[in-house]
Structures are given as structure tokens and as C-alpha cells.
PDB file of N, CA and C in Angstrom:
ATOM      1  N   UNK A   1      18.962  -5.630  22.980  1.00  0.00           N
ATOM      2  CA  UNK A   1      18.098  -4.455  22.560  1.00  0.00           C
ATOM      3  C   UNK A   1      17.846  -4.293  20.774  1.00  0.00           C
ATOM      4  N   UNK A   2      17.133  -4.059  20.468  1.00  0.00           N
ATOM      5  CA  UNK A   2      17.041  -3.208  18.676  1.00  0.00           C
ATOM      6  C   UNK A   2      17.651  -1.860  18.844  1.00  0.00           C
ATOM      7  N   UNK A   3      18.772  -1.240  17.966  1.00  0.00           N
ATOM      8  CA  UNK A   3      19.574   0.003  18.003  1.00  0.00           C
ATOM      9  C   UNK A   3      18.188   0.720  17.015  1.00  0.00           C
ATOM     10  N   UNK A   4      17.483   1.575  17.621  1.00  0.00           N
ATOM     11  CA  UNK A   4      16.438   2.772  16.692  1.00  0.00           C
ATOM     12  C   UNK A   4      17.470   4.025  16.138  1.00  0.00           C
ATOM     13  N   UNK A   5      17.806   3.624  15.354  1.00  0.00           N
ATOM     14  CA  UNK A   5      19.098   4.577  14.067  1.00  0.00           C
ATOM     15  C   UNK A   5      17.693   5.752  13.557  1.00  0.00           C
ATOM     16  N   UNK A   6      18.508   6.752  14.034  1.00  0.00           N
ATOM     17  CA  UNK A   6      17.586   8.234  14.192  1.00  0.00           C
ATOM     18  C   UNK A   6      17.645   8.731  12.649  1.00  0.00           C
ATOM     19  N   UNK A   7      18.306   7.985  11.483  1.00  0.00           N
ATOM     20  CA  UNK A   7      17.902   8.615  10.485  1.00  0.00           C
ATOM     21  C   UNK A   7      18.385   7.446   9.499  1.00  0.00           C
ATOM     22  N   UNK A   8      17.609   7.547   7.926  1.00  0.00           N
ATOM     23  CA  UNK A   8      17.754   6.708   6.927  1.00  0.00           C
ATOM     24  C   UNK A   8      18.796   6.320   6.450  1.00  0.00           C
ATOM     25  N   UNK A   9      19.464   4.813   5.893  1.00  0.00           N
ATOM     26  CA  UNK A   9      21.188   5.110   6.005  1.00  0.00           C
ATOM     27  C   UNK A   9      20.983   5.597   4.498  1.00  0.00           C
ATOM     28  N   UNK A  10      20.204   5.799   3.456  1.00  0.00           N
ATOM     29  CA  UNK A  10      20.257   5.874   2.247  1.00  0.00           C
ATOM     30  C   UNK A  10      20.591   7.555   1.661  1.00  0.00           C
ATOM     31  N   UNK A  11      19.246   8.093   2.350  1.00  0.00           N
ATOM     32  CA  UNK A  11      19.148   9.745   1.979  1.00  0.00           C
ATOM     33  C   UNK A  11      19.085  10.672   3.388  1.00  0.00           C
ATOM     34  N   UNK A  12      19.321  10.067   4.320  1.00  0.00           N
ATOM     35  CA  UNK A  12      19.551  10.618   6.134  1.00  0.00           C
ATOM     36  C   UNK A  12      18.415  11.280   6.182  1.00  0.00           C
ATOM     37  N   UNK A  13      16.947  11.045   5.622  1.00  0.00           N
ATOM     38  CA  UNK A  13      15.858  11.608   6.382  1.00  0.00           C
ATOM     39  C   UNK A  13      15.466  11.719   8.109  1.00  0.00           C
ATOM     40  N   UNK A  14      15.357  12.306   8.904  1.00  0.00           N
ATOM     41  CA  UNK A  14      15.352  12.123  10.204  1.00  0.00           C
ATOM     42  C   UNK A  14      14.213  10.874  10.547  1.00  0.00           C
ATOM     43  N   UNK A  15      14.471  10.033  11.375  1.00  0.00           N
ATOM     44  CA  UNK A  15      13.846   9.058  11.838  1.00  0.00           C
ATOM     45  C   UNK A  15      13.829   9.325  13.354  1.00  0.00           C
ATOM     46  N   UNK A  16      12.465   9.125  13.789  1.00  0.00           N
ATOM     47  CA  UNK A  16      11.666   9.302  15.267  1.00  0.00           C
ATOM     48  C   UNK A  16      12.115   7.949  15.669  1.00  0.00           C
ATOM     49  N   UNK A  17      11.439   7.993  16.714  1.00  0.00           N
ATOM     50  CA  UNK A  17      10.915   6.429  17.630  1.00  0.00           C
ATOM     51  C   UNK A  17       9.624   6.004  17.616  1.00  0.00           C
ATOM     52  N   UNK A  18       9.023   6.866  16.977  1.00  0.00           N
ATOM     53  CA  UNK A  18       7.772   6.487  16.344  1.00  0.00           C
ATOM     54  C   UNK A  18       7.628   7.081  14.630  1.00  0.00           C
ATOM     55  N   UNK A  19       7.991   7.111  14.318  1.00  0.00           N
ATOM     56  CA  UNK A  19       8.095   6.973  12.996  1.00  0.00           C
ATOM     57  C   UNK A  19       8.257   5.495  11.900  1.00  0.00           C
ATOM     58  N   UNK A  20       7.746   5.654  11.115  1.00  0.00           N
ATOM     59  CA  UNK A  20       7.669   4.581  10.159  1.00  0.00           C
ATOM     60  C   UNK A  20       9.086   4.366   9.858  1.00  0.00           C
ATOM     61  N   UNK A  21       9.467   3.182   9.885  1.00  0.00           N
ATOM     62  CA  UNK A  21      10.766   2.624   9.103  1.00  0.00           C
ATOM     63  C   UNK A  21      11.194   1.302   9.322  1.00  0.00           C
ATOM     64  N   UNK A  22      11.778   0.984   8.130  1.00  0.00           N
ATOM     65  CA  UNK A  22      12.099  -0.246   7.565  1.00  0.00           C
ATOM     66  C   UNK A  22      13.706  -0.953   8.120  1.00  0.00           C
ATOM     67  N   UNK A  23      13.616  -2.041   8.974  1.00  0.00           N
ATOM     68  CA  UNK A  23      15.205  -2.766   8.543  1.00  0.00           C
ATOM     69  C   UNK A  23      15.287  -3.873   8.501  1.00  0.00           C
ATOM     70  N   UNK A  24      16.694  -4.512   8.233  1.00  0.00           N
ATOM     71  CA  UNK A  24      17.101  -5.725   8.252  1.00  0.00           C
ATOM     72  C   UNK A  24      17.340  -6.399   9.256  1.00  0.00           C
ATOM     73  N   UNK A  25      18.134  -7.565   9.129  1.00  0.00           N
ATOM     74  CA  UNK A  25      18.558  -8.449  10.510  1.00  0.00           C
ATOM     75  C   UNK A  25      19.531  -7.841  11.003  1.00  0.00           C
ATOM     76  N   UNK A  26      20.361  -6.966  10.088  1.00  0.00           N
ATOM     77  CA  UNK A  26      21.759  -6.622  10.421  1.00  0.00           C
ATOM     78  C   UNK A  26      21.363  -4.721  11.380  1.00  0.00           C
ATOM     79  N   UNK A  27      20.096  -4.594  11.543  1.00  0.00           N
ATOM     80  CA  UNK A  27      19.637  -3.300  11.773  1.00  0.00           C
ATOM     81  C   UNK A  27      20.106  -2.420  10.961  1.00  0.00           C
ATOM     82  N   UNK A  28      20.200  -2.584   9.742  1.00  0.00           N
ATOM     83  CA  UNK A  28      20.387  -1.419   8.687  1.00  0.00           C
ATOM     84  C   UNK A  28      19.126  -0.363   8.535  1.00  0.00           C
ATOM     85  N   UNK A  29      18.848   0.902   8.430  1.00  0.00           N
ATOM     86  CA  UNK A  29      17.771   1.287   8.489  1.00  0.00           C
ATOM     87  C   UNK A  29      17.484   2.406   7.514  1.00  0.00           C
ATOM     88  N   UNK A  30      16.076   2.221   7.086  1.00  0.00           N
ATOM     89  CA  UNK A  30      15.732   3.154   5.793  1.00  0.00           C
ATOM     90  C   UNK A  30      14.116   3.356   6.130  1.00  0.00           C
ATOM     91  N   UNK A  31      14.296   4.840   5.573  1.00  0.00           N
ATOM     92  CA  UNK A  31      12.625   5.244   5.595  1.00  0.00           C
ATOM     93  C   UNK A  31      11.612   4.669   4.064  1.00  0.00           C
ATOM     94  N   UNK A  32      10.480   4.607   4.648  1.00  0.00           N
ATOM     95  CA  UNK A  32       9.602   3.715   3.611  1.00  0.00           C
ATOM     96  C   UNK A  32       9.837   4.227   1.744  1.00  0.00           C
ATOM     97  N   UNK A  33      10.532   5.607   1.879  1.00  0.00           N
ATOM     98  CA  UNK A  33      10.216   5.994   0.161  1.00  0.00           C
ATOM     99  C   UNK A  33      11.823   5.057  -0.238  1.00  0.00           C
ATOM    100  N   UNK A  34      12.832   4.983   0.482  1.00  0.00           N
ATOM    101  CA  UNK A  34      13.859   4.475   0.295  1.00  0.00           C
ATOM    102  C   UNK A  34      13.821   2.692  -0.063  1.00  0.00           C
ATOM    103  N   UNK A  35      12.983   2.641   1.028  1.00  0.00           N
ATOM    104  CA  UNK A  35      12.377   1.159   1.185  1.00  0.00           C
ATOM    105  C   UNK A  35      11.931   0.855  -0.146  1.00  0.00           C
ATOM    106  N   UNK A  36      10.820   1.450  -0.517  1.00  0.00           N
ATOM    107  CA  UNK A  36      10.376   1.036  -1.982  1.00  0.00           C
ATOM    108  C   UNK A  36      10.955   0.892  -3.098  1.00  0.00           C
ATOM    109  N   UNK A  37      11.820   2.055  -2.986  1.00  0.00           N
ATOM    110  CA  UNK A  37      13.161   2.106  -4.028  1.00  0.00           C
ATOM    111  C   UNK A  37      13.825   0.767  -4.439  1.00  0.00           C
ATOM    112  N   UNK A  38      14.386   0.535  -3.052  1.00  0.00           N
ATOM    113  CA  UNK A  38      14.964  -0.707  -2.760  1.00  0.00           C
ATOM    114  C   UNK A  38      14.222  -1.905  -3.572  1.00  0.00           C
ATOM    115  N   UNK A  39      13.260  -1.978  -3.276  1.00  0.00           N
ATOM    116  CA  UNK A  39      12.646  -3.164  -3.670  1.00  0.00           C
ATOM    117  C   UNK A  39      12.448  -3.814  -2.161  1.00  0.00           C
ATOM    118  N   UNK A  40      12.081  -3.669  -1.199  1.00  0.00           N
ATOM    119  CA  UNK A  40      12.284  -3.895   0.071  1.00  0.00           C
ATOM    120  C   UNK A  40      13.621  -5.101   0.328  1.00  0.00           C
ATOM    121  N   UNK A  41      14.311  -4.851  -0.096  1.00  0.00           N
ATOM    122  CA  UNK A  41      15.558  -5.604  -0.073  1.00  0.00           C
ATOM    123  C   UNK A  41      16.988  -4.613   0.426  1.00  0.00           C
ATOM    124  N   UNK A  42      17.632  -4.838   1.370  1.00  0.00           N
ATOM    125  CA  UNK A  42      18.896  -4.533   1.841  1.00  0.00           C
ATOM    126  C   UNK A  42      19.795  -4.439   1.365  1.00  0.00           C
ATOM    127  N   UNK A  43      20.594  -3.122   0.699  1.00  0.00           N
ATOM    128  CA  UNK A  43      21.663  -3.517  -0.557  1.00  0.00           C
ATOM    129  C   UNK A  43      22.811  -3.827   0.486  1.00  0.00           C
ATOM    130  N   UNK A  44      23.376  -3.662   1.636  1.00  0.00           N
ATOM    131  CA  UNK A  44      23.648  -4.103   2.168  1.00  0.00           C
ATOM    132  C   UNK A  44      24.091  -5.487   2.131  1.00  0.00           C
ATOM    133  N   UNK A  45      22.987  -6.113   2.685  1.00  0.00           N
ATOM    134  CA  UNK A  45      23.146  -7.657   2.933  1.00  0.00           C
ATOM    135  C   UNK A  45      21.938  -8.553   2.032  1.00  0.00           C
ATOM    136  N   UNK A  46      21.401  -7.808   1.631  1.00  0.00           N
ATOM    137  CA  UNK A  46      20.330  -8.380   0.517  1.00  0.00           C
ATOM    138  C   UNK A  46      19.146  -9.062   1.417  1.00  0.00           C
ATOM    139  N   UNK A  47      19.479  -8.826   2.599  1.00  0.00           N
ATOM    140  CA  UNK A  47      18.233  -9.325   3.448  1.00  0.00           C
ATOM    141  C   UNK A  47      16.832  -8.686   3.336  1.00  0.00           C
ATOM    142  N   UNK A  48      15.730  -9.052   3.428  1.00  0.00           N
ATOM    143  CA  UNK A  48      14.346  -8.319   3.484  1.00  0.00           C
ATOM    144  C   UNK A  48      14.456  -7.350   4.443  1.00  0.00           C
ATOM    145  N   UNK A  49      13.855  -6.239   4.120  1.00  0.00           N
ATOM    146  CA  UNK A  49      13.409  -5.183   4.779  1.00  0.00           C
ATOM    147  C   UNK A  49      12.341  -5.298   5.260  1.00  0.00           C
ATOM    148  N   UNK A  50      11.920  -4.981   6.581  1.00  0.00           N
ATOM    149  CA  UNK A  50      10.896  -5.223   7.569  1.00  0.00           C
ATOM    150  C   UNK A  50      10.323  -3.875   8.414  1.00  0.00           C
ATOM    151  N   UNK A  51       9.182  -3.951   8.401  1.00  0.00           N
ATOM    152  CA  UNK A  51       8.830  -2.870   9.592  1.00  0.00           C
ATOM    153  C   UNK A  51       9.258  -2.771  10.857  1.00  0.00           C
ATOM    154  N   UNK A  52      10.009  -1.552  11.013  1.00  0.00           N
ATOM    155  CA  UNK A  52      10.524  -1.378  12.543  1.00  0.00           C
ATOM    156  C   UNK A  52       9.480  -1.469  13.105  1.00  0.00           C
ATOM    157  N   UNK A  53       9.745  -1.881  14.616  1.00  0.00           N
ATOM    158  CA  UNK A  53       8.754  -1.707  16.151  1.00  0.00           C
ATOM    159  C   UNK A  53       8.957  -0.407  15.964  1.00  0.00           C
ATOM    160  N   UNK A  54       7.617   0.302  16.779  1.00  0.00           N
ATOM    161  CA  UNK A  54       7.880   1.573  17.165  1.00  0.00           C
ATOM    162  C   UNK A  54       8.135   1.257  18.650  1.00  0.00           C
ATOM    163  N   UNK A  55       8.515   2.892  19.029  1.00  0.00           N
ATOM    164  CA  UNK A  55       8.746   2.748  20.618  1.00  0.00           C
ATOM    165  C   UNK A  55       8.524   4.552  20.563  1.00  0.00           C
ATOM    166  N   UNK A  56       7.822   4.434  21.811  1.00  0.00           N
ATOM    167  CA  UNK A  56       6.953   5.856  21.982  1.00  0.00           C
ATOM    168  C   UNK A  56       8.443   6.636  22.885  1.00  0.00           C
ATOM    169  N   UNK A  57       8.948   5.850  23.729  1.00  0.00           N
ATOM    170  CA  UNK A  57      10.046   6.600  24.519  1.00  0.00           C
ATOM    171  C   UNK A  57      11.359   5.551  24.407  1.00  0.00           C
ATOM    172  N   UNK A  58      12.841   6.751  24.966  1.00  0.00           N
ATOM    173  CA  UNK A  58      13.733   6.003  24.580  1.00  0.00           C
ATOM    174  C   UNK A  58      14.192   5.030  26.048  1.00  0.00           C
ATOM    175  N   UNK A  59      14.746   4.208  26.375  1.00  0.00           N
ATOM    176  CA  UNK A  59      15.376   3.654  27.389  1.00  0.00           C
ATOM    177  C   UNK A  59      16.017   4.470  28.152  1.00  0.00           C
ATOM    178  N   UNK A  60      16.896   5.178  27.557  1.00  0.00           N
ATOM    179  CA  UNK A  60      17.857   6.022  28.319  1.00  0.00           C
ATOM    180  C   UNK A  60      17.125   7.662  28.911  1.00  0.00           C
ATOM    181  N   UNK A  61      15.801   7.388  28.655  1.00  0.00           N
ATOM    182  CA  UNK A  61      15.083   9.026  28.591  1.00  0.00           C
ATOM    183  C   UNK A  61      14.962   8.644  30.216  1.00  0.00           C
ATOM    184  N   UNK A  62      15.135   9.925  30.842  1.00  0.00           N
ATOM    185  CA  UNK A  62      14.708  10.437  32.728  1.00  0.00           C
ATOM    186  C   UNK A  62      13.520  10.205  32.669  1.00  0.00           C
ATOM    187  N   UNK A  63      13.045   9.752  33.899  1.00  0.00           N
ATOM    188  CA  UNK A  63      11.709   9.556  34.400  1.00  0.00           C
ATOM    189  C   UNK A  63      10.864  11.212  34.742  1.00  0.00           C
ATOM    190  N   UNK A  64       9.907  11.440  34.316  1.00  0.00           N
ATOM    191  CA  UNK A  64       9.306  12.642  34.675  1.00  0.00           C
ATOM    192  C   UNK A  64       9.491  13.028  35.895  1.00  0.00           C
ATOM    193  N   UNK A  65       9.573  14.433  36.278  1.00  0.00           N
ATOM    194  CA  UNK A  65      10.113  14.709  37.728  1.00  0.00           C
ATOM    195  C   UNK A  65       8.549  14.492  39.042  1.00  0.00           C
ATOM    196  N   UNK A  66       9.062  13.982  39.929  1.00  0.00           N
ATOM    197  CA  UNK A  66       8.090  13.112  40.686  1.00  0.00           C
ATOM    198  C   UNK A  66       7.116  12.108  40.536  1.00  0.00           C
ATOM    199  N   UNK A  67       7.770  11.370  39.466  1.00  0.00           N
ATOM    200  CA  UNK A  67       7.826  10.057  39.067  1.00  0.00           C
ATOM    201  C   UNK A  67       7.832   8.582  40.513  1.00  0.00           C
ATOM    202  N   UNK A  68       9.471   9.202  41.033  1.00  0.00           N
ATOM    203  CA  UNK A  68       9.732   8.484  41.887  1.00  0.00           C
ATOM    204  C   UNK A  68       8.573   8.841  43.300  1.00  0.00           C
ATOM    205  N   UNK A  69       8.754   9.961  43.350  1.00  0.00           N
ATOM    206  CA  UNK A  69       7.784  10.135  44.893  1.00  0.00           C
ATOM    207  C   UNK A  69       6.355   9.428  45.068  1.00  0.00           C
ATOM    208  N   UNK A  70       5.486   9.577  43.305  1.00  0.00           N
ATOM    209  CA  UNK A  70       4.371   8.570  43.104  1.00  0.00           C
ATOM    210  C   UNK A  70       4.609   7.133  43.106  1.00  0.00           C
ATOM    211  N   UNK A  71       5.472   6.706  42.735  1.00  0.00           N
ATOM    212  CA  UNK A  71       5.390   5.538  42.631  1.00  0.00           C
ATOM    213  C   UNK A  71       5.698   5.211  44.121  1.00  0.00           C
ATOM    214  N   UNK A  72       6.617   5.502  45.004  1.00  0.00           N
ATOM    215  CA  UNK A  72       6.625   4.716  46.415  1.00  0.00           C
ATOM    216  C   UNK A  72       5.215   5.659  47.404  1.00  0.00           C
ATOM    217  N   UNK A  73       4.523   6.174  46.693  1.00  0.00           N
ATOM    218  CA  UNK A  73       2.992   6.347  47.614  1.00  0.00           C
ATOM    219  C   UNK A  73       2.285   4.969  47.488  1.00  0.00           C
ATOM    220  N   UNK A  74       2.630   4.688  45.713  1.00  0.00           N
ATOM    221  CA  UNK A  74       1.894   3.755  45.422  1.00  0.00           C
ATOM    222  C   UNK A  74       2.356   2.321  46.269  1.00  0.00           C
ATOM    223  N   UNK A  75       3.611   2.544  46.094  1.00  0.00           N
ATOM    224  CA  UNK A  75       4.076   1.041  46.779  1.00  0.00           C
ATOM    225  C   UNK A  75       3.824   0.853  48.545  1.00  0.00           C
ATOM    226  N   UNK A  76       3.617   2.094  49.291  1.00  0.00           N
ATOM    227  CA  UNK A  76       2.973   2.005  50.548  1.00  0.00           C
ATOM    228  C   UNK A  76       2.071   0.774  50.685  1.00  0.00           C
TER     229      UNK A  76
END
């Protein structure tokens, strides 16, 4: 699974799950401003920085209250 880092590795700007961010094949993560300053090249591995996919929720996030009961009712 892709590790969604919470901040830019160059300037420490916060990066939410649905914020634009760029990554290399080693999952180094940079904000759009730093990516532009780096000419879309990772300073760690010299690989390409590409747009990171967006996520709306974290896989470790707990389901909303009542979700299990609603699901059980649907599956009956």
C-alpha cells in the first residue's frame, strides 16, 4: 500500500489525504511548490516526481457509528 506522508520532505508543509502532492517511486513526498522548484526531480533518488493519488479517508479510520447495524440490515 502507498504510504501517504503527512508533510513535504523539503519545506514541512502539511499535506492532507486529498491535497495535491508529488511522489517518486520510493514515496518521497513533496508539495507542488517544492516540486516545481526541484524541476519535478527527486533530490534523493533523482527519479521523476509524479502526482500522488488522492484519498478521501484513511484505511485505519474507524467506520461511522451505526455503520455496522446498517450494513447488517442490508445484508439480511
